[in-house]
């Protein structure tokens, strides 16, 4: 065989071998690449899942944080409301204490007797107005008389000396002490029959207990002389 043919044959063999190698390499690399691709896919999958988890976590945390925020806000509002309530209660308590300071002394407020008494002894302060008490030159108006009467009543119930109030304010004669017998009961010595007295005077005197202080308001028929501040002595 000529050398040219030999050279051609060698070149053809080398070419064929080269092509064969080129064909095998992709075939060999195919599975490896597939495996690598599979591995890459397997590796990337968790990465994708991690990406998916983040929003899920965010979604989970967000409402929780919002709830906590709302809870904290609600708690703050509750505390604020409680504080206001306590402040109001304290203010109310202070107001109550103030009222207690101005309340009547023990035993001075009217308490109905368990049994209607047959005899009572009372002391009274008469607060009249212009023209209400015969023989008395009283200049105060009816409105002023009512105001004075309730001021004196309050002072008496606070425990001021009743005898002194009688001497200072009464439009009757001090000491203003009267004994009365009940309806249908014969008066004892020094007593007046209830029916012979001003109706409101007797009504108050028999409806309170010893030590109590009441008032008979002016009434043209039942209490025509004015206002009577009445303390039952016994």
C-alpha atoms as a PDB file:
ATOM      1  CA  UNK A   1       0.000   0.000   0.000  1.00  0.00           C
ATOM      2  CA  UNK A   2       1.378   3.345  -0.951  1.00  0.00           C
ATOM      3  CA  UNK A   3       2.455   5.602   1.945  1.00  0.00           C
ATOM      4  CA  UNK A   4      -0.142   8.140   0.920  1.00  0.00           C
ATOM      5  CA  UNK A   5      -2.846   5.540   1.362  1.00  0.00           C
ATOM      6  CA  UNK A   6      -1.340   4.505   4.620  1.00  0.00           C
ATOM      7  CA  UNK A   7      -1.306   8.082   5.808  1.00  0.00           C
ATOM      8  CA  UNK A   8      -4.895   8.500   4.649  1.00  0.00           C
ATOM      9  CA  UNK A   9      -5.877   5.289   6.460  1.00  0.00           C
ATOM     10  CA  UNK A  10      -4.166   6.422   9.658  1.00  0.00           C
ATOM     11  CA  UNK A  11      -5.834   9.811   9.430  1.00  0.00           C
ATOM     12  CA  UNK A  12      -9.193   8.135   8.884  1.00  0.00           C
ATOM     13  CA  UNK A  13      -8.633   5.836  11.876  1.00  0.00           C
ATOM     14  CA  UNK A  14      -7.633   8.807  14.063  1.00  0.00           C
ATOM     15  CA  UNK A  15     -10.680  10.716  12.893  1.00  0.00           C
ATOM     16  CA  UNK A  16     -12.929   7.757  13.560  1.00  0.00           C
ATOM     17  CA  UNK A  17     -11.367   7.292  17.010  1.00  0.00           C
ATOM     18  CA  UNK A  18     -11.706  10.964  17.738  1.00  0.00           C
ATOM     19  CA  UNK A  19     -15.352  10.925  16.700  1.00  0.00           C
ATOM     20  CA  UNK A  20     -15.891   7.813  18.775  1.00  0.00           C
ATOM     21  CA  UNK A  21     -14.343   9.482  21.763  1.00  0.00           C
ATOM     22  CA  UNK A  22     -16.459  12.542  21.167  1.00  0.00           C
ATOM     23  CA  UNK A  23     -19.589  10.369  21.013  1.00  0.00           C
ATOM     24  CA  UNK A  24     -18.764   8.455  24.150  1.00  0.00           C
ATOM     25  CA  UNK A  25     -17.920  11.464  26.224  1.00  0.00           C
ATOM     26  CA  UNK A  26     -21.383  13.069  25.946  1.00  0.00           C
ATOM     27  CA  UNK A  27     -22.970   9.682  26.571  1.00  0.00           C
ATOM     28  CA  UNK A  28     -20.791   9.186  29.613  1.00  0.00           C
ATOM     29  CA  UNK A  29     -21.315  12.724  30.737  1.00  0.00           C
ATOM     30  CA  UNK A  30     -25.090  12.462  30.250  1.00  0.00           C
ATOM     31  CA  UNK A  31     -25.889  10.422  33.356  1.00  0.00           C
ATOM     32  CA  UNK A  32     -23.374  12.340  35.417  1.00  0.00           C
ATOM     33  CA  UNK A  33     -24.856  15.601  34.284  1.00  0.00           C
ATOM     34  CA  UNK A  34     -28.322  14.198  34.950  1.00  0.00           C
ATOM     35  CA  UNK A  35     -27.217  13.081  38.382  1.00  0.00           C
ATOM     36  CA  UNK A  36     -25.610  16.442  38.963  1.00  0.00           C
ATOM     37  CA  UNK A  37     -28.758  18.105  37.710  1.00  0.00           C
ATOM     38  CA  UNK A  38     -30.760  15.837  39.960  1.00  0.00           C
ATOM     39  CA  UNK A  39     -28.467  16.654  42.861  1.00  0.00           C
ATOM     40  CA  UNK A  40     -28.693  20.306  42.019  1.00  0.00           C
ATOM     41  CA  UNK A  41     -32.458  20.024  41.853  1.00  0.00           C
ATOM     42  CA  UNK A  42     -32.482  18.186  45.125  1.00  0.00           C
ATOM     43  CA  UNK A  43     -30.303  20.831  46.707  1.00  0.00           C
ATOM     44  CA  UNK A  44     -32.211  23.721  45.230  1.00  0.00           C
ATOM     45  CA  UNK A  45     -35.525  22.307  46.352  1.00  0.00           C
ATOM     46  CA  UNK A  46     -34.858  22.969  50.021  1.00  0.00           C
ATOM     47  CA  UNK A  47     -33.722  26.441  49.056  1.00  0.00           C
ATOM     48  CA  UNK A  48     -37.057  26.932  47.371  1.00  0.00           C
ATOM     49  CA  UNK A  49     -38.825  25.504  50.381  1.00  0.00           C
ATOM     50  CA  UNK A  50     -36.883  27.788  52.654  1.00  0.00           C
ATOM     51  CA  UNK A  51     -38.026  30.677  50.536  1.00  0.00           C
ATOM     52  CA  UNK A  52     -41.583  29.447  50.920  1.00  0.00           C
ATOM     53  CA  UNK A  53     -41.215  29.016  54.667  1.00  0.00           C
ATOM     54  CA  UNK A  54     -40.170  32.619  55.258  1.00  0.00           C
ATOM     55  CA  UNK A  55     -43.489  34.101  54.163  1.00  0.00           C
ATOM     56  CA  UNK A  56     -45.293  31.408  56.108  1.00  0.00           C
ATOM     57  CA  UNK A  57     -43.328  32.332  59.212  1.00  0.00           C
ATOM     58  CA  UNK A  58     -43.955  35.997  58.561  1.00  0.00           C
ATOM     59  CA  UNK A  59     -47.628  35.323  58.127  1.00  0.00           C
ATOM     60  CA  UNK A  60     -47.649  33.386  61.357  1.00  0.00           C
ATOM     61  CA  UNK A  61     -45.761  36.013  63.346  1.00  0.00           C
ATOM     62  CA  UNK A  62     -47.587  39.052  61.992  1.00  0.00           C
ATOM     63  CA  UNK A  63     -51.006  38.234  63.438  1.00  0.00           C
ATOM     64  CA  UNK A  64     -49.391  37.194  66.696  1.00  0.00           C
ATOM     65  CA  UNK A  65     -47.527  40.456  66.928  1.00  0.00           C
ATOM     66  CA  UNK A  66     -50.685  42.325  65.977  1.00  0.00           C
ATOM     67  CA  UNK A  67     -52.621  40.456  68.649  1.00  0.00           C
ATOM     68  CA  UNK A  68     -49.932  41.223  71.178  1.00  0.00           C
ATOM     69  CA  UNK A  69     -50.018  44.843  70.167  1.00  0.00           C
ATOM     70  CA  UNK A  70     -53.803  44.925  70.479  1.00  0.00           C
ATOM     71  CA  UNK A  71     -53.605  43.082  73.780  1.00  0.00           C
ATOM     72  CA  UNK A  72     -51.023  45.539  75.070  1.00  0.00           C
ATOM     73  CA  UNK A  73     -53.139  48.435  73.845  1.00  0.00           C
ATOM     74  CA  UNK A  74     -56.222  46.938  75.479  1.00  0.00           C
ATOM     75  CA  UNK A  75     -54.292  46.343  78.691  1.00  0.00           C
ATOM     76  CA  UNK A  76     -53.048  49.939  78.644  1.00  0.00           C
ATOM     77  CA  UNK A  77     -56.602  51.176  78.061  1.00  0.00           C
ATOM     78  CA  UNK A  78     -57.871  48.960  80.877  1.00  0.00           C
ATOM     79  CA  UNK A  79     -55.198  50.255  83.222  1.00  0.00           C
ATOM     80  CA  UNK A  80     -56.027  53.817  82.237  1.00  0.00           C
ATOM     81  CA  UNK A  81     -59.723  53.171  82.757  1.00  0.00           C
ATOM     82  CA  UNK A  82     -59.002  51.507  86.106  1.00  0.00           C
ATOM     83  CA  UNK A  83     -56.871  54.455  87.121  1.00  0.00           C
ATOM     84  CA  UNK A  84     -59.666  56.866  86.200  1.00  0.00           C
ATOM     85  CA  UNK A  85     -62.188  54.729  88.069  1.00  0.00           C
ATOM     86  CA  UNK A  86     -59.953  54.719  91.127  1.00  0.00           C
ATOM     87  CA  UNK A  87     -59.496  58.459  90.851  1.00  0.00           C
ATOM     88  CA  UNK A  88     -63.264  58.925  90.616  1.00  0.00           C
ATOM     89  CA  UNK A  89     -63.765  56.545  93.521  1.00  0.00           C
ATOM     90  CA  UNK A  90     -61.206  58.476  95.548  1.00  0.00           C
ATOM     91  CA  UNK A  91     -62.918  61.741  94.642  1.00  0.00           C
ATOM     92  CA  UNK A  92     -66.290  60.237  95.521  1.00  0.00           C
ATOM     93  CA  UNK A  93     -64.854  58.934  98.771  1.00  0.00           C
ATOM     94  CA  UNK A  94     -63.530  62.378  99.575  1.00  0.00           C
ATOM     95  CA  UNK A  95     -66.937  63.809  98.778  1.00  0.00           C
ATOM     96  CA  UNK A  96     -68.536  61.224 101.032  1.00  0.00           C
ATOM     97  CA  UNK A  97     -66.159  62.043 103.855  1.00  0.00           C
ATOM     98  CA  UNK A  98     -66.981  65.679 103.423  1.00  0.00           C
ATOM     99  CA  UNK A  99     -70.662  64.858 103.605  1.00  0.00           C
ATOM    100  CA  UNK A 100     -70.098  62.760 106.700  1.00  0.00           C
ATOM    101  CA  UNK A 101     -68.502  65.796 108.327  1.00  0.00           C
ATOM    102  CA  UNK A 102     -71.664  67.778 107.670  1.00  0.00           C
ATOM    103  CA  UNK A 103     -74.108  65.059 108.734  1.00  0.00           C
ATOM    104  CA  UNK A 104     -76.252  65.244 111.785  1.00  0.00           C
ATOM    105  CA  UNK A 105     -74.883  64.207 115.148  1.00  0.00           C
ATOM    106  CA  UNK A 106     -75.907  60.707 116.244  1.00  0.00           C
ATOM    107  CA  UNK A 107     -79.472  60.505 117.511  1.00  0.00           C
ATOM    108  CA  UNK A 108     -80.619  63.861 116.161  1.00  0.00           C
ATOM    109  CA  UNK A 109     -82.309  62.634 112.983  1.00  0.00           C
ATOM    110  CA  UNK A 110     -86.019  61.746 113.268  1.00  0.00           C
ATOM    111  CA  UNK A 111     -86.717  58.131 114.188  1.00  0.00           C
ATOM    112  CA  UNK A 112     -90.300  56.999 114.604  1.00  0.00           C
ATOM    113  CA  UNK A 113     -91.010  55.607 118.085  1.00  0.00           C
ATOM    114  CA  UNK A 114     -91.708  51.880 118.307  1.00  0.00           C
ATOM    115  CA  UNK A 115     -94.847  52.675 120.322  1.00  0.00           C
ATOM    116  CA  UNK A 116     -96.819  55.903 120.085  1.00  0.00           C
ATOM    117  CA  UNK A 117     -96.059  57.782 123.325  1.00  0.00           C
ATOM    118  CA  UNK A 118     -98.856  59.068 125.544  1.00  0.00           C
ATOM    119  CA  UNK A 119     -96.793  61.959 126.875  1.00  0.00           C
ATOM    120  CA  UNK A 120     -93.887  63.883 125.393  1.00  0.00           C
ATOM    121  CA  UNK A 121     -91.775  66.843 126.368  1.00  0.00           C
ATOM    122  CA  UNK A 122     -90.345  68.984 123.579  1.00  0.00           C
ATOM    123  CA  UNK A 123     -88.301  72.138 123.180  1.00  0.00           C
ATOM    124  CA  UNK A 124     -88.788  74.281 120.128  1.00  0.00           C
ATOM    125  CA  UNK A 125     -87.434  77.242 118.208  1.00  0.00           C
ATOM    126  CA  UNK A 126     -90.071  79.260 116.391  1.00  0.00           C
ATOM    127  CA  UNK A 127     -88.914  81.093 113.273  1.00  0.00           C
ATOM    128  CA  UNK A 128     -91.660  83.467 112.227  1.00  0.00           C
ATOM    129  CA  UNK A 129     -91.963  86.130 109.557  1.00  0.00           C
ATOM    130  CA  UNK A 130     -93.568  89.525 109.300  1.00  0.00           C
ATOM    131  CA  UNK A 131     -97.127  89.332 110.657  1.00  0.00           C
ATOM    132  CA  UNK A 132     -97.033  85.603 111.532  1.00  0.00           C
ATOM    133  CA  UNK A 133     -96.664  85.900 115.321  1.00  0.00           C
ATOM    134  CA  UNK A 134     -99.103  88.186 117.155  1.00  0.00           C
ATOM    135  CA  UNK A 135     -97.351  90.790 119.289  1.00  0.00           C
ATOM    136  CA  UNK A 136     -93.946  90.169 117.671  1.00  0.00           C
ATOM    137  CA  UNK A 137     -92.332  92.804 115.441  1.00  0.00           C
ATOM    138  CA  UNK A 138     -90.667  90.443 112.972  1.00  0.00           C
ATOM    139  CA  UNK A 139     -89.245  92.045 109.868  1.00  0.00           C
ATOM    140  CA  UNK A 140     -87.986  89.010 107.917  1.00  0.00           C
ATOM    141  CA  UNK A 141     -89.919  87.782 104.887  1.00  0.00           C
ATOM    142  CA  UNK A 142     -91.443  84.329 104.610  1.00  0.00           C
ATOM    143  CA  UNK A 143     -88.619  83.207 102.300  1.00  0.00           C
ATOM    144  CA  UNK A 144     -86.001  84.488 104.736  1.00  0.00           C
ATOM    145  CA  UNK A 145     -87.776  82.759 107.606  1.00  0.00           C
ATOM    146  CA  UNK A 146     -87.624  79.412 105.812  1.00  0.00           C
ATOM    147  CA  UNK A 147     -83.930  79.890 105.044  1.00  0.00           C
ATOM    148  CA  UNK A 148     -83.130  80.779 108.660  1.00  0.00           C
ATOM    149  CA  UNK A 149     -85.224  77.877 109.962  1.00  0.00           C
ATOM    150  CA  UNK A 150     -83.336  75.272 107.930  1.00  0.00           C
ATOM    151  CA  UNK A 151     -79.982  76.813 108.801  1.00  0.00           C
ATOM    152  CA  UNK A 152     -80.850  76.610 112.488  1.00  0.00           C
ATOM    153  CA  UNK A 153     -82.128  73.040 112.008  1.00  0.00           C
ATOM    154  CA  UNK A 154     -78.815  72.002 110.436  1.00  0.00           C
ATOM    155  CA  UNK A 155     -76.809  73.618 113.205  1.00  0.00           C
ATOM    156  CA  UNK A 156     -78.948  71.950 115.858  1.00  0.00           C
ATOM    157  CA  UNK A 157     -78.531  68.544 114.234  1.00  0.00           C
ATOM    158  CA  UNK A 158     -74.772  69.046 114.090  1.00  0.00           C
ATOM    159  CA  UNK A 159     -74.813  69.242 117.864  1.00  0.00           C
ATOM    160  CA  UNK A 160     -74.869  72.933 118.702  1.00  0.00           C
ATOM    161  CA  UNK A 161     -76.311  73.757 122.089  1.00  0.00           C
ATOM    162  CA  UNK A 162     -80.060  73.766 121.600  1.00  0.00           C
ATOM    163  CA  UNK A 163     -80.732  76.053 124.573  1.00  0.00           C
ATOM    164  CA  UNK A 164     -78.393  78.643 123.094  1.00  0.00           C
ATOM    165  CA  UNK A 165     -80.068  78.403 119.688  1.00  0.00           C
ATOM    166  CA  UNK A 166     -83.439  78.896 121.370  1.00  0.00           C
ATOM    167  CA  UNK A 167     -82.264  82.023 123.144  1.00  0.00           C
ATOM    168  CA  UNK A 168     -80.761  83.420 119.962  1.00  0.00           C
ATOM    169  CA  UNK A 169     -83.403  82.621 117.351  1.00  0.00           C
ATOM    170  CA  UNK A 170     -86.819  81.795 118.751  1.00  0.00           C
ATOM    171  CA  UNK A 171     -89.755  84.099 118.186  1.00  0.00           C
ATOM    172  CA  UNK A 172     -91.441  82.408 121.143  1.00  0.00           C
ATOM    173  CA  UNK A 173     -90.342  82.738 124.756  1.00  0.00           C
ATOM    174  CA  UNK A 174     -87.193  80.845 125.894  1.00  0.00           C
ATOM    175  CA  UNK A 175     -86.662  78.160 126.921  1.00  0.00           C
ATOM    176  CA  UNK A 176     -89.545  77.022 124.707  1.00  0.00           C
ATOM    177  CA  UNK A 177     -90.194  73.759 126.572  1.00  0.00           C
ATOM    178  CA  UNK A 178     -93.669  72.195 126.435  1.00  0.00           C
ATOM    179  CA  UNK A 179     -95.189  68.993 127.757  1.00  0.00           C
ATOM    180  CA  UNK A 180     -98.019  67.411 125.741  1.00  0.00           C
ATOM    181  CA  UNK A 181    -100.382  64.541 126.298  1.00  0.00           C
ATOM    182  CA  UNK A 182    -101.507  62.370 123.429  1.00  0.00           C
ATOM    183  CA  UNK A 183    -104.923  62.485 121.842  1.00  0.00           C
ATOM    184  CA  UNK A 184    -107.547  61.256 124.305  1.00  0.00           C
ATOM    185  CA  UNK A 185    -105.015  61.213 127.158  1.00  0.00           C
ATOM    186  CA  UNK A 186    -105.595  63.483 130.154  1.00  0.00           C
ATOM    187  CA  UNK A 187    -102.776  66.048 130.456  1.00  0.00           C
ATOM    188  CA  UNK A 188    -100.498  65.682 133.438  1.00  0.00           C
ATOM    189  CA  UNK A 189     -99.672  68.709 135.560  1.00  0.00           C
ATOM    190  CA  UNK A 190     -97.954  71.353 133.443  1.00  0.00           C
ATOM    191  CA  UNK A 191     -98.847  69.622 130.184  1.00  0.00           C
ATOM    192  CA  UNK A 192    -100.980  70.746 127.271  1.00  0.00           C
ATOM    193  CA  UNK A 193    -103.369  68.494 125.422  1.00  0.00           C
ATOM    194  CA  UNK A 194    -102.021  67.721 121.980  1.00  0.00           C
ATOM    195  CA  UNK A 195    -105.249  68.884 120.369  1.00  0.00           C
ATOM    196  CA  UNK A 196    -104.889  72.299 121.979  1.00  0.00           C
ATOM    197  CA  UNK A 197    -101.553  72.919 120.310  1.00  0.00           C
ATOM    198  CA  UNK A 198    -100.742  73.841 116.726  1.00  0.00           C
ATOM    199  CA  UNK A 199    -101.364  70.639 114.766  1.00  0.00           C
ATOM    200  CA  UNK A 200     -97.941  70.457 113.104  1.00  0.00           C
ATOM    201  CA  UNK A 201     -96.247  71.017 116.477  1.00  0.00           C
ATOM    202  CA  UNK A 202     -97.889  67.956 117.997  1.00  0.00           C
ATOM    203  CA  UNK A 203     -97.518  65.908 114.808  1.00  0.00           C
ATOM    204  CA  UNK A 204     -93.750  66.331 114.851  1.00  0.00           C
ATOM    205  CA  UNK A 205     -93.383  66.009 118.628  1.00  0.00           C
ATOM    206  CA  UNK A 206     -95.154  62.626 118.773  1.00  0.00           C
ATOM    207  CA  UNK A 207     -93.505  61.197 115.654  1.00  0.00           C
ATOM    208  CA  UNK A 208     -89.868  61.439 116.782  1.00  0.00           C
ATOM    209  CA  UNK A 209     -87.846  59.715 119.503  1.00  0.00           C
ATOM    210  CA  UNK A 210     -86.099  61.359 122.474  1.00  0.00           C
ATOM    211  CA  UNK A 211     -83.057  63.328 121.310  1.00  0.00           C
ATOM    212  CA  UNK A 212     -84.325  63.609 117.726  1.00  0.00           C
ATOM    213  CA  UNK A 213     -84.765  66.999 116.094  1.00  0.00           C
ATOM    214  CA  UNK A 214     -87.492  67.599 113.510  1.00  0.00           C
ATOM    215  CA  UNK A 215     -89.125  70.544 111.805  1.00  0.00           C
ATOM    216  CA  UNK A 216     -92.716  71.613 111.253  1.00  0.00           C
ATOM    217  CA  UNK A 217     -92.919  73.659 108.052  1.00  0.00           C
ATOM    218  CA  UNK A 218     -95.107  76.717 107.830  1.00  0.00           C
ATOM    219  CA  UNK A 219     -98.659  75.919 106.855  1.00  0.00           C
ATOM    220  CA  UNK A 220    -101.544  78.398 107.117  1.00  0.00           C
ATOM    221  CA  UNK A 221    -103.716  75.764 108.812  1.00  0.00           C
ATOM    222  CA  UNK A 222    -101.344  73.318 110.531  1.00  0.00           C
ATOM    223  CA  UNK A 223     -98.486  75.691 111.433  1.00  0.00           C
ATOM    224  CA  UNK A 224     -99.598  79.303 110.990  1.00  0.00           C
ATOM    225  CA  UNK A 225     -96.915  80.965 113.153  1.00  0.00           C
ATOM    226  CA  UNK A 226     -93.991  79.905 110.959  1.00  0.00           C
ATOM    227  CA  UNK A 227     -91.390  77.139 111.176  1.00  0.00           C
ATOM    228  CA  UNK A 228     -90.921  75.131 114.374  1.00  0.00           C
ATOM    229  CA  UNK A 229     -87.569  73.384 114.965  1.00  0.00           C
ATOM    230  CA  UNK A 230     -88.538  70.765 117.527  1.00  0.00           C
ATOM    231  CA  UNK A 231     -86.334  68.632 119.770  1.00  0.00           C
ATOM    232  CA  UNK A 232     -87.969  65.885 121.781  1.00  0.00           C
ATOM    233  CA  UNK A 233     -86.527  65.847 125.274  1.00  0.00           C
ATOM    234  CA  UNK A 234     -88.499  62.884 126.659  1.00  0.00           C
END
